[in-house]
Amino acid sequence: MADIDTGLNAWQQTSNHNRMIELQADKTPNGDGPVEIAFFGSSAFRITSPKGLTVMVDPWRNHPSRTWDWYFHDFPITPVDIGVSTHAHFDHDALHRLDAHVLLDRLIGTYGFLDVTLHGIAEKHAIDSCCALYDFRKIHRHFHGTDVAPPNNPRSWDHCLIVIETGGLRIVHWGDNRADPPDAVWDALGEIDIALLPVDNSQHVIGFGAVNAIVDRLKPKVVIPHHYYIWDVVQRQSTLQTPTDWLDKYDNVTHLDGPTARYTKADTAGLDQAIHYFSDHVAFDKEDWFRKGK
């Protein structure tokens, strides 16, 4: 008999989309109210629109081989309206860990519902590991006989930049995207208010210089680091580190005192590349997750 846990598991969930039926009947105008960003560790963020619609980007899991776990356990099962994955790597693609109404795996194009519009831009994963602790392009070529460099890379090294529009704000989730996409991609990104960028001292995804080049090009009001080490969520063998070396270079760093932050268009208008750091705060009960193993 086939493994019943293979593939998506919505058929096993007891929830339903009655909530979405109610929300799709909402005809009131969209506003510029507060947008909440909640950090779930690694590259996972839940964005809540002014009308309360929730979008989770890049929930994580351990590698399915279970031979080199990054996390103490897989992503906690979390209810959300819309789930999105930027690319098919285990630390970004655990859509099956979401109790979601809508799943958008590697979105290319535009999806809109209520007061949220999601734009997916087809792109490529970062492969320049000149600043990283190890050369993962060399590792894949040696152990798997695979060249991950574009344009003929395997699917897991494709990538989608995700732009979330809500509450008058444009938020880009950079995921693991390369730092030097073509000009047409920059044009498609347009004006960005909040940039979620991968930063850690090991420079695992992209180097500090590449992070700064993205910031210089986008000129966001707010920069939020992600994809870094959290001592009681991420295991040491991930080789990830905290982003403190990068943060220490700047004076405009706010160390947030919890796992959530709220933003409005008016609030961000006066900011210029302000860095907001969630540190090791995550928007789930870590002790309960660690104890129960789920």
C-alpha atoms as a PDB file:
ATOM      1  CA  MET A   1       0.000   0.000   0.000  1.00  0.00           C
ATOM      2  CA  ALA A   2       1.257   3.480  -0.830  1.00  0.00           C
ATOM      3  CA  ASP A   3       2.372   5.757   2.000  1.00  0.00           C
ATOM      4  CA  ILE A   4      -0.720   7.807   2.894  1.00  0.00           C
ATOM      5  CA  ASP A   5       1.482  10.659   4.093  1.00  0.00           C
ATOM      6  CA  THR A   6       3.060  11.142   0.677  1.00  0.00           C
ATOM      7  CA  GLY A   7       2.099  14.451  -0.928  1.00  0.00           C
ATOM      8  CA  LEU A   8      -0.107  17.243   0.352  1.00  0.00           C
ATOM      9  CA  ASN A   9      -2.283  16.414   3.320  1.00  0.00           C
ATOM     10  CA  ALA A  10      -5.267  18.780   3.057  1.00  0.00           C
ATOM     11  CA  TRP A  11      -7.537  15.742   2.773  1.00  0.00           C
ATOM     12  CA  GLN A  12      -6.575  14.808   6.337  1.00  0.00           C
ATOM     13  CA  GLN A  13      -7.401  18.208   7.838  1.00  0.00           C
ATOM     14  CA  THR A  14     -10.655  18.787   9.719  1.00  0.00           C
ATOM     15  CA  SER A  15     -10.778  22.528   9.011  1.00  0.00           C
ATOM     16  CA  ASN A  16     -12.659  24.035   6.056  1.00  0.00           C
ATOM     17  CA  HIS A  17     -12.771  27.236   4.051  1.00  0.00           C
ATOM     18  CA  ASN A  18     -15.963  28.715   5.481  1.00  0.00           C
ATOM     19  CA  ARG A  19     -13.834  31.679   6.543  1.00  0.00           C
ATOM     20  CA  MET A  20     -12.805  32.337   2.937  1.00  0.00           C
ATOM     21  CA  ILE A  21     -16.420  32.138   1.800  1.00  0.00           C
ATOM     22  CA  GLU A  22     -17.211  34.917   4.247  1.00  0.00           C
ATOM     23  CA  LEU A  23     -14.170  36.989   3.296  1.00  0.00           C
ATOM     24  CA  GLN A  24     -14.861  36.823  -0.439  1.00  0.00           C
ATOM     25  CA  ALA A  25     -18.214  38.509   0.226  1.00  0.00           C
ATOM     26  CA  ASP A  26     -16.450  41.549   1.736  1.00  0.00           C
ATOM     27  CA  LYS A  27     -16.959  44.470  -0.640  1.00  0.00           C
ATOM     28  CA  THR A  28     -15.712  47.253   1.639  1.00  0.00           C
ATOM     29  CA  PRO A  29     -12.866  49.399   0.257  1.00  0.00           C
ATOM     30  CA  ASN A  30      -9.310  48.367   1.043  1.00  0.00           C
ATOM     31  CA  GLY A  31      -7.469  50.689   3.391  1.00  0.00           C
ATOM     32  CA  ASP A  32      -3.982  51.608   4.521  1.00  0.00           C
ATOM     33  CA  GLY A  33      -4.356  50.181   8.006  1.00  0.00           C
ATOM     34  CA  PRO A  34      -1.598  48.376   9.899  1.00  0.00           C
ATOM     35  CA  VAL A  35       0.134  45.350   8.400  1.00  0.00           C
ATOM     36  CA  GLU A  36       1.586  42.821  10.830  1.00  0.00           C
ATOM     37  CA  ILE A  37       4.766  40.887  10.056  1.00  0.00           C
ATOM     38  CA  ALA A  38       5.405  37.861  12.271  1.00  0.00           C
ATOM     39  CA  PHE A  39       8.690  35.943  12.177  1.00  0.00           C
ATOM     40  CA  PHE A  40       8.623  32.136  12.433  1.00  0.00           C
ATOM     41  CA  GLY A  41      12.351  31.537  12.152  1.00  0.00           C
ATOM     42  CA  SER A  42      14.535  30.654   9.172  1.00  0.00           C
ATOM     43  CA  SER A  43      12.864  32.449   6.208  1.00  0.00           C
ATOM     44  CA  ALA A  44       9.254  32.023   7.356  1.00  0.00           C
ATOM     45  CA  PHE A  45       7.095  35.107   7.779  1.00  0.00           C
ATOM     46  CA  ARG A  46       3.366  35.489   8.322  1.00  0.00           C
ATOM     47  CA  ILE A  47       1.980  38.728   6.943  1.00  0.00           C
ATOM     48  CA  THR A  48      -1.446  39.847   8.138  1.00  0.00           C
ATOM     49  CA  SER A  49      -3.328  42.413   6.060  1.00  0.00           C
ATOM     50  CA  PRO A  50      -5.421  45.266   7.502  1.00  0.00           C
ATOM     51  CA  LYS A  51      -8.548  43.144   6.911  1.00  0.00           C
ATOM     52  CA  GLY A  52      -6.986  40.166   8.683  1.00  0.00           C
ATOM     53  CA  LEU A  53      -6.000  37.972   5.728  1.00  0.00           C
ATOM     54  CA  THR A  54      -2.874  35.966   6.571  1.00  0.00           C
ATOM     55  CA  VAL A  55      -0.082  34.940   4.205  1.00  0.00           C
ATOM     56  CA  MET A  56       2.750  32.618   5.271  1.00  0.00           C
ATOM     57  CA  VAL A  57       5.872  32.621   3.103  1.00  0.00           C
ATOM     58  CA  ASP A  58       8.495  29.855   3.226  1.00  0.00           C
ATOM     59  CA  PRO A  59       7.625  27.499   6.082  1.00  0.00           C
ATOM     60  CA  TRP A  60      10.521  25.117   6.710  1.00  0.00           C
ATOM     61  CA  ARG A  61      11.142  21.436   7.443  1.00  0.00           C
ATOM     62  CA  ASN A  62      14.097  19.113   7.771  1.00  0.00           C
ATOM     63  CA  HIS A  63      15.592  17.494   4.701  1.00  0.00           C
ATOM     64  CA  PRO A  64      13.435  14.459   3.806  1.00  0.00           C
ATOM     65  CA  SER A  65      16.484  12.165   3.920  1.00  0.00           C
ATOM     66  CA  ARG A  66      16.755  13.013   7.655  1.00  0.00           C
ATOM     67  CA  THR A  67      20.530  12.642   7.380  1.00  0.00           C
ATOM     68  CA  TRP A  68      21.354  16.297   8.016  1.00  0.00           C
ATOM     69  CA  ASP A  69      18.616  17.952  10.035  1.00  0.00           C
ATOM     70  CA  TRP A  70      18.726  21.730  10.290  1.00  0.00           C
ATOM     71  CA  TYR A  71      15.915  22.093  12.822  1.00  0.00           C
ATOM     72  CA  PHE A  72      15.129  20.336  16.089  1.00  0.00           C
ATOM     73  CA  HIS A  73      11.701  19.505  14.619  1.00  0.00           C
ATOM     74  CA  ASP A  74       9.708  20.316  11.490  1.00  0.00           C
ATOM     75  CA  PHE A  75       7.679  23.506  11.220  1.00  0.00           C
ATOM     76  CA  PRO A  76       4.762  23.575  13.680  1.00  0.00           C
ATOM     77  CA  ILE A  77       1.389  22.951  12.047  1.00  0.00           C
ATOM     78  CA  THR A  78       0.043  26.476  11.649  1.00  0.00           C
ATOM     79  CA  PRO A  79      -3.332  27.770  10.451  1.00  0.00           C
ATOM     80  CA  VAL A  80      -3.071  30.441   7.755  1.00  0.00           C
ATOM     81  CA  ASP A  81      -5.184  31.679   4.863  1.00  0.00           C
ATOM     82  CA  ILE A  82      -2.547  31.561   2.110  1.00  0.00           C
ATOM     83  CA  GLY A  83       0.740  29.670   2.014  1.00  0.00           C
ATOM     84  CA  VAL A  84       3.541  30.558  -0.409  1.00  0.00           C
ATOM     85  CA  SER A  85       6.900  28.938  -1.180  1.00  0.00           C
ATOM     86  CA  THR A  86       9.702  30.720  -3.040  1.00  0.00           C
ATOM     87  CA  HIS A  87      11.520  27.558  -4.154  1.00  0.00           C
ATOM     88  CA  ALA A  88      11.835  23.793  -3.738  1.00  0.00           C
ATOM     89  CA  HIS A  89      14.412  23.589  -0.949  1.00  0.00           C
ATOM     90  CA  PHE A  90      13.490  21.961   2.357  1.00  0.00           C
ATOM     91  CA  ASP A  91      14.091  25.114   4.398  1.00  0.00           C
ATOM     92  CA  HIS A  92      11.494  26.973   2.309  1.00  0.00           C
ATOM     93  CA  ASP A  93       8.917  24.521   0.933  1.00  0.00           C
ATOM     94  CA  ALA A  94       7.012  22.958   3.848  1.00  0.00           C
ATOM     95  CA  LEU A  95       3.573  23.971   2.603  1.00  0.00           C
ATOM     96  CA  HIS A  96       2.212  20.669   3.945  1.00  0.00           C
ATOM     97  CA  ARG A  97       2.885  21.998   7.464  1.00  0.00           C
ATOM     98  CA  LEU A  98       0.274  24.721   6.954  1.00  0.00           C
ATOM     99  CA  ASP A  99      -3.437  24.304   7.598  1.00  0.00           C
ATOM    100  CA  ALA A 100      -4.098  26.660   4.694  1.00  0.00           C
ATOM    101  CA  HIS A 101      -7.014  27.547   2.425  1.00  0.00           C
ATOM    102  CA  VAL A 102      -4.765  28.400  -0.537  1.00  0.00           C
ATOM    103  CA  LEU A 103      -1.295  27.086  -1.393  1.00  0.00           C
ATOM    104  CA  LEU A 104       0.897  28.832  -3.959  1.00  0.00           C
ATOM    105  CA  ASP A 105       4.034  26.840  -4.654  1.00  0.00           C
ATOM    106  CA  ARG A 106       6.623  28.872  -6.567  1.00  0.00           C
ATOM    107  CA  LEU A 107       4.135  31.511  -7.692  1.00  0.00           C
ATOM    108  CA  ILE A 108       4.822  33.095 -11.080  1.00  0.00           C
ATOM    109  CA  GLY A 109       2.344  35.789 -11.994  1.00  0.00           C
ATOM    110  CA  THR A 110      -0.250  37.508  -9.843  1.00  0.00           C
ATOM    111  CA  TYR A 111      -2.769  36.258  -7.309  1.00  0.00           C
ATOM    112  CA  GLY A 112      -5.175  38.530  -5.459  1.00  0.00           C
ATOM    113  CA  PHE A 113      -7.763  38.027  -2.746  1.00  0.00           C
ATOM    114  CA  LEU A 114      -9.476  40.536  -0.446  1.00  0.00           C
ATOM    115  CA  ASP A 115      -6.905  43.255   0.343  1.00  0.00           C
ATOM    116  CA  VAL A 116      -3.775  41.288  -0.622  1.00  0.00           C
ATOM    117  CA  THR A 117      -2.070  40.973  -4.009  1.00  0.00           C
ATOM    118  CA  LEU A 118       0.847  38.603  -4.479  1.00  0.00           C
ATOM    119  CA  HIS A 119       3.277  38.949  -7.367  1.00  0.00           C
ATOM    120  CA  GLY A 120       5.654  36.098  -8.216  1.00  0.00           C
ATOM    121  CA  ILE A 121       8.661  36.839 -10.407  1.00  0.00           C
ATOM    122  CA  ALA A 122      10.456  33.878 -12.015  1.00  0.00           C
ATOM    123  CA  GLU A 123      14.134  34.007 -11.141  1.00  0.00           C
ATOM    124  CA  LYS A 124      17.130  31.918 -10.033  1.00  0.00           C
ATOM    125  CA  HIS A 125      18.602  30.778  -6.726  1.00  0.00           C
ATOM    126  CA  ALA A 126      21.864  32.281  -5.506  1.00  0.00           C
ATOM    127  CA  ILE A 127      24.903  30.141  -6.367  1.00  0.00           C
ATOM    128  CA  ASP A 128      27.811  32.522  -5.696  1.00  0.00           C
ATOM    129  CA  SER A 129      29.326  31.081  -2.532  1.00  0.00           C
ATOM    130  CA  CYS A 130      32.582  33.064  -2.654  1.00  0.00           C
ATOM    131  CA  CYS A 131      31.820  34.480   0.806  1.00  0.00           C
ATOM    132  CA  ALA A 132      30.280  31.338   2.281  1.00  0.00           C
ATOM    133  CA  LEU A 133      31.856  28.709   4.528  1.00  0.00           C
ATOM    134  CA  TYR A 134      31.674  26.133   1.748  1.00  0.00           C
ATOM    135  CA  ASP A 135      31.142  25.981  -2.015  1.00  0.00           C
ATOM    136  CA  PHE A 136      27.766  24.273  -2.431  1.00  0.00           C
ATOM    137  CA  ARG A 137      27.983  24.426  -6.233  1.00  0.00           C
ATOM    138  CA  LYS A 138      31.161  22.325  -5.996  1.00  0.00           C
ATOM    139  CA  ILE A 139      29.525  19.965  -3.497  1.00  0.00           C
ATOM    140  CA  HIS A 140      26.534  19.302  -5.749  1.00  0.00           C
ATOM    141  CA  ARG A 141      28.765  18.774  -8.766  1.00  0.00           C
ATOM    142  CA  HIS A 142      31.044  16.345  -6.899  1.00  0.00           C
ATOM    143  CA  PHE A 143      28.469  14.268  -4.996  1.00  0.00           C
ATOM    144  CA  HIS A 144      25.461  14.458  -7.324  1.00  0.00           C
ATOM    145  CA  GLY A 145      26.989  15.154 -10.731  1.00  0.00           C
ATOM    146  CA  THR A 146      24.720  18.190 -11.014  1.00  0.00           C
ATOM    147  CA  ASP A 147      25.591  21.729 -12.047  1.00  0.00           C
ATOM    148  CA  VAL A 148      23.252  24.092 -10.198  1.00  0.00           C
ATOM    149  CA  ALA A 149      24.280  27.122 -12.243  1.00  0.00           C
ATOM    150  CA  PRO A 150      21.671  28.736 -14.510  1.00  0.00           C
ATOM    151  CA  PRO A 151      20.280  28.532 -17.084  1.00  0.00           C
ATOM    152  CA  ASN A 152      20.231  24.706 -17.120  1.00  0.00           C
ATOM    153  CA  ASN A 153      19.971  24.159 -13.380  1.00  0.00           C
ATOM    154  CA  PRO A 154      17.574  21.560 -11.924  1.00  0.00           C
ATOM    155  CA  ARG A 155      14.165  22.747 -10.701  1.00  0.00           C
ATOM    156  CA  SER A 156      15.213  23.082  -7.069  1.00  0.00           C
ATOM    157  CA  TRP A 157      17.616  25.844  -8.065  1.00  0.00           C
ATOM    158  CA  ASP A 158      14.927  27.892  -9.728  1.00  0.00           C
ATOM    159  CA  HIS A 159      13.508  30.624  -7.533  1.00  0.00           C
ATOM    160  CA  CYS A 160      10.585  33.035  -7.327  1.00  0.00           C
ATOM    161  CA  LEU A 161      10.779  36.473  -5.803  1.00  0.00           C
ATOM    162  CA  ILE A 162       7.545  37.226  -3.967  1.00  0.00           C
ATOM    163  CA  VAL A 163       6.117  40.735  -3.608  1.00  0.00           C
ATOM    164  CA  ILE A 164       3.190  41.168  -1.212  1.00  0.00           C
ATOM    165  CA  GLU A 165       1.016  44.249  -1.624  1.00  0.00           C
ATOM    166  CA  THR A 166      -1.309  45.139   1.225  1.00  0.00           C
ATOM    167  CA  GLY A 167      -2.177  48.149   3.362  1.00  0.00           C
ATOM    168  CA  GLY A 168      -0.495  50.463   0.861  1.00  0.00           C
ATOM    169  CA  LEU A 169       2.843  48.686   1.392  1.00  0.00           C
ATOM    170  CA  ARG A 170       4.974  46.607  -0.970  1.00  0.00           C
ATOM    171  CA  ILE A 171       6.959  43.891   0.790  1.00  0.00           C
ATOM    172  CA  VAL A 172       9.506  41.740  -1.043  1.00  0.00           C
ATOM    173  CA  HIS A 173      10.462  38.314   0.269  1.00  0.00           C
ATOM    174  CA  TRP A 174      13.889  37.751  -1.275  1.00  0.00           C
ATOM    175  CA  GLY A 175      14.124  34.116  -0.185  1.00  0.00           C
ATOM    176  CA  ASP A 176      17.411  32.687  -1.511  1.00  0.00           C
ATOM    177  CA  ASN A 177      17.356  34.609  -4.769  1.00  0.00           C
ATOM    178  CA  ARG A 178      20.585  35.619  -6.466  1.00  0.00           C
ATOM    179  CA  ALA A 179      21.684  39.184  -5.776  1.00  0.00           C
ATOM    180  CA  ASP A 180      22.208  40.231  -9.402  1.00  0.00           C
ATOM    181  CA  PRO A 181      19.033  39.467 -11.363  1.00  0.00           C
ATOM    182  CA  PRO A 182      18.538  41.078 -14.792  1.00  0.00           C
ATOM    183  CA  ASP A 183      17.314  44.666 -15.060  1.00  0.00           C
ATOM    184  CA  ALA A 184      13.856  43.450 -16.090  1.00  0.00           C
ATOM    185  CA  VAL A 185      13.501  41.812 -12.662  1.00  0.00           C
ATOM    186  CA  TRP A 186      14.459  45.001 -10.843  1.00  0.00           C
ATOM    187  CA  ASP A 187      11.904  46.856 -12.957  1.00  0.00           C
ATOM    188  CA  ALA A 188       9.237  44.296 -12.033  1.00  0.00           C
ATOM    189  CA  LEU A 189      10.061  44.652  -8.332  1.00  0.00           C
ATOM    190  CA  GLY A 190       9.375  48.377  -8.501  1.00  0.00           C
ATOM    191  CA  GLU A 191       9.193  50.465  -5.343  1.00  0.00           C
ATOM    192  CA  ILE A 192       9.691  48.391  -2.209  1.00  0.00           C
ATOM    193  CA  ASP A 193       8.781  49.535   1.295  1.00  0.00           C
ATOM    194  CA  ILE A 194       9.973  46.496   3.282  1.00  0.00           C
ATOM    195  CA  ALA A 195      12.671  44.055   2.152  1.00  0.00           C
ATOM    196  CA  LEU A 196      13.041  40.637   3.814  1.00  0.00           C
ATOM    197  CA  LEU A 197      16.662  39.669   3.057  1.00  0.00           C
ATOM    198  CA  PRO A 198      18.807  36.619   3.932  1.00  0.00           C
ATOM    199  CA  VAL A 199      21.684  37.658   6.217  1.00  0.00           C
ATOM    200  CA  ASP A 200      23.926  35.615   8.492  1.00  0.00           C
ATOM    201  CA  ASN A 201      27.568  35.731   9.510  1.00  0.00           C
ATOM    202  CA  SER A 202      28.373  32.569   7.521  1.00  0.00           C
ATOM    203  CA  GLN A 203      27.060  34.400   4.424  1.00  0.00           C
ATOM    204  CA  HIS A 204      25.398  31.136   3.487  1.00  0.00           C
ATOM    205  CA  VAL A 205      23.043  32.494   0.796  1.00  0.00           C
ATOM    206  CA  ILE A 206      24.726  35.725  -0.267  1.00  0.00           C
ATOM    207  CA  GLY A 207      27.616  37.803   1.059  1.00  0.00           C
ATOM    208  CA  PHE A 208      27.305  41.027   2.997  1.00  0.00           C
ATOM    209  CA  GLY A 209      28.377  43.026  -0.048  1.00  0.00           C
ATOM    210  CA  ALA A 210      25.570  41.457  -2.078  1.00  0.00           C
ATOM    211  CA  VAL A 211      23.037  42.224   0.663  1.00  0.00           C
ATOM    212  CA  ASN A 212      24.183  45.859   0.644  1.00  0.00           C
ATOM    213  CA  ALA A 213      23.957  46.000  -3.154  1.00  0.00           C
ATOM    214  CA  ILE A 214      20.327  44.811  -2.997  1.00  0.00           C
ATOM    215  CA  VAL A 215      19.522  47.428  -0.370  1.00  0.00           C
ATOM    216  CA  ASP A 216      21.218  50.149  -2.403  1.00  0.00           C
ATOM    217  CA  ARG A 217      19.225  49.159  -5.494  1.00  0.00           C
ATOM    218  CA  LEU A 218      15.831  48.745  -3.827  1.00  0.00           C
ATOM    219  CA  LYS A 219      16.159  51.592  -1.302  1.00  0.00           C
ATOM    220  CA  PRO A 220      13.500  50.100   1.001  1.00  0.00           C
ATOM    221  CA  LYS A 221      12.158  51.931   4.024  1.00  0.00           C
ATOM    222  CA  VAL A 222      12.786  48.867   6.225  1.00  0.00           C
ATOM    223  CA  VAL A 223      15.145  45.879   5.962  1.00  0.00           C
ATOM    224  CA  ILE A 224      14.378  42.705   7.966  1.00  0.00           C
ATOM    225  CA  PRO A 225      17.067  39.972   8.094  1.00  0.00           C
ATOM    226  CA  HIS A 226      16.149  36.286   7.941  1.00  0.00           C
ATOM    227  CA  HIS A 227      17.730  32.867   7.226  1.00  0.00           C
ATOM    228  CA  TYR A 228      19.974  32.956  10.302  1.00  0.00           C
ATOM    229  CA  TYR A 229      20.784  30.789  13.310  1.00  0.00           C
ATOM    230  CA  ILE A 230      18.401  30.679  16.291  1.00  0.00           C
ATOM    231  CA  TRP A 231      19.925  28.611  19.084  1.00  0.00           C
ATOM    232  CA  ASP A 232      16.760  26.776  20.173  1.00  0.00           C
ATOM    233  CA  VAL A 233      15.187  26.342  16.716  1.00  0.00           C
ATOM    234  CA  VAL A 234      18.075  25.791  14.275  1.00  0.00           C
ATOM    235  CA  GLN A 235      20.677  23.090  14.848  1.00  0.00           C
ATOM    236  CA  ARG A 236      24.415  23.802  14.807  1.00  0.00           C
ATOM    237  CA  GLN A 237      25.045  21.480  11.876  1.00  0.00           C
ATOM    238  CA  SER A 238      23.120  23.843   9.617  1.00  0.00           C
ATOM    239  CA  THR A 239      26.333  25.964   9.681  1.00  0.00           C
ATOM    240  CA  LEU A 240      24.118  29.055   9.856  1.00  0.00           C
ATOM    241  CA  GLN A 241      25.152  31.842  12.211  1.00  0.00           C
ATOM    242  CA  THR A 242      23.536  34.967  13.610  1.00  0.00           C
ATOM    243  CA  PRO A 243      23.710  38.153  11.483  1.00  0.00           C
ATOM    244  CA  THR A 244      25.502  40.210  14.168  1.00  0.00           C
ATOM    245  CA  ASP A 245      28.633  40.981  12.120  1.00  0.00           C
ATOM    246  CA  TRP A 246      26.473  42.665   9.493  1.00  0.00           C
ATOM    247  CA  LEU A 247      24.222  44.387  12.021  1.00  0.00           C
ATOM    248  CA  ASP A 248      27.203  45.807  13.905  1.00  0.00           C
ATOM    249  CA  LYS A 249      28.165  47.863  10.867  1.00  0.00           C
ATOM    250  CA  TYR A 250      25.045  50.018  11.143  1.00  0.00           C
ATOM    251  CA  ASP A 251      23.619  52.490  13.635  1.00  0.00           C
ATOM    252  CA  ASN A 252      20.008  52.319  12.440  1.00  0.00           C
ATOM    253  CA  VAL A 253      19.274  48.860  13.883  1.00  0.00           C
ATOM    254  CA  THR A 254      16.192  48.239  16.010  1.00  0.00           C
ATOM    255  CA  HIS A 255      16.265  45.037  18.055  1.00  0.00           C
ATOM    256  CA  LEU A 256      12.593  44.108  18.173  1.00  0.00           C
ATOM    257  CA  ASP A 257      11.340  42.902  21.550  1.00  0.00           C
ATOM    258  CA  GLY A 258       9.006  40.224  20.183  1.00  0.00           C
ATOM    259  CA  PRO A 259       8.181  38.095  17.132  1.00  0.00           C
ATOM    260  CA  THR A 260       5.762  40.575  15.530  1.00  0.00           C
ATOM    261  CA  ALA A 261       5.936  44.123  14.199  1.00  0.00           C
ATOM    262  CA  ARG A 262       3.227  46.348  12.751  1.00  0.00           C
ATOM    263  CA  TYR A 263       3.704  48.774   9.889  1.00  0.00           C
ATOM    264  CA  THR A 264       1.615  51.389   8.108  1.00  0.00           C
ATOM    265  CA  LYS A 265       2.340  53.420   5.019  1.00  0.00           C
ATOM    266  CA  ALA A 266       2.457  56.560   7.132  1.00  0.00           C
ATOM    267  CA  ASP A 267       4.828  55.040   9.700  1.00  0.00           C
ATOM    268  CA  THR A 268       7.329  53.846   7.123  1.00  0.00           C
ATOM    269  CA  ALA A 269       7.252  57.018   5.008  1.00  0.00           C
ATOM    270  CA  GLY A 270       9.883  58.703   7.172  1.00  0.00           C
ATOM    271  CA  LEU A 271      12.224  55.709   7.354  1.00  0.00           C
ATOM    272  CA  ASP A 272      15.251  55.130   5.150  1.00  0.00           C
ATOM    273  CA  GLN A 273      16.728  51.624   5.127  1.00  0.00           C
ATOM    274  CA  ALA A 274      16.013  51.117   8.812  1.00  0.00           C
ATOM    275  CA  ILE A 275      17.021  47.626   9.974  1.00  0.00           C
ATOM    276  CA  HIS A 276      14.521  45.750  12.161  1.00  0.00           C
ATOM    277  CA  TYR A 277      15.922  42.585  13.729  1.00  0.00           C
ATOM    278  CA  PHE A 278      13.705  39.883  15.253  1.00  0.00           C
ATOM    279  CA  SER A 279      16.705  38.170  16.903  1.00  0.00           C
ATOM    280  CA  ASP A 280      15.637  34.767  18.305  1.00  0.00           C
ATOM    281  CA  HIS A 281      11.972  35.698  18.734  1.00  0.00           C
ATOM    282  CA  VAL A 282       9.571  33.457  16.820  1.00  0.00           C
ATOM    283  CA  ALA A 283       5.771  33.557  16.635  1.00  0.00           C
ATOM    284  CA  PHE A 284       5.139  30.098  18.055  1.00  0.00           C
ATOM    285  CA  ASP A 285       5.599  28.475  21.454  1.00  0.00           C
ATOM    286  CA  LYS A 286       9.135  27.124  21.192  1.00  0.00           C
ATOM    287  CA  GLU A 287       9.028  25.216  24.469  1.00  0.00           C
ATOM    288  CA  ASP A 288       5.815  23.417  23.530  1.00  0.00           C
ATOM    289  CA  TRP A 289       7.132  22.728  20.007  1.00  0.00           C
ATOM    290  CA  PHE A 290      10.383  21.366  21.358  1.00  0.00           C
ATOM    291  CA  ARG A 291       8.672  19.170  23.940  1.00  0.00           C
ATOM    292  CA  LYS A 292       6.010  17.722  21.642  1.00  0.00           C
ATOM    293  CA  GLY A 293       8.231  17.423  18.600  1.00  0.00           C
ATOM    294  CA  LYS A 294       5.683  19.052  16.277  1.00  0.00           C
END
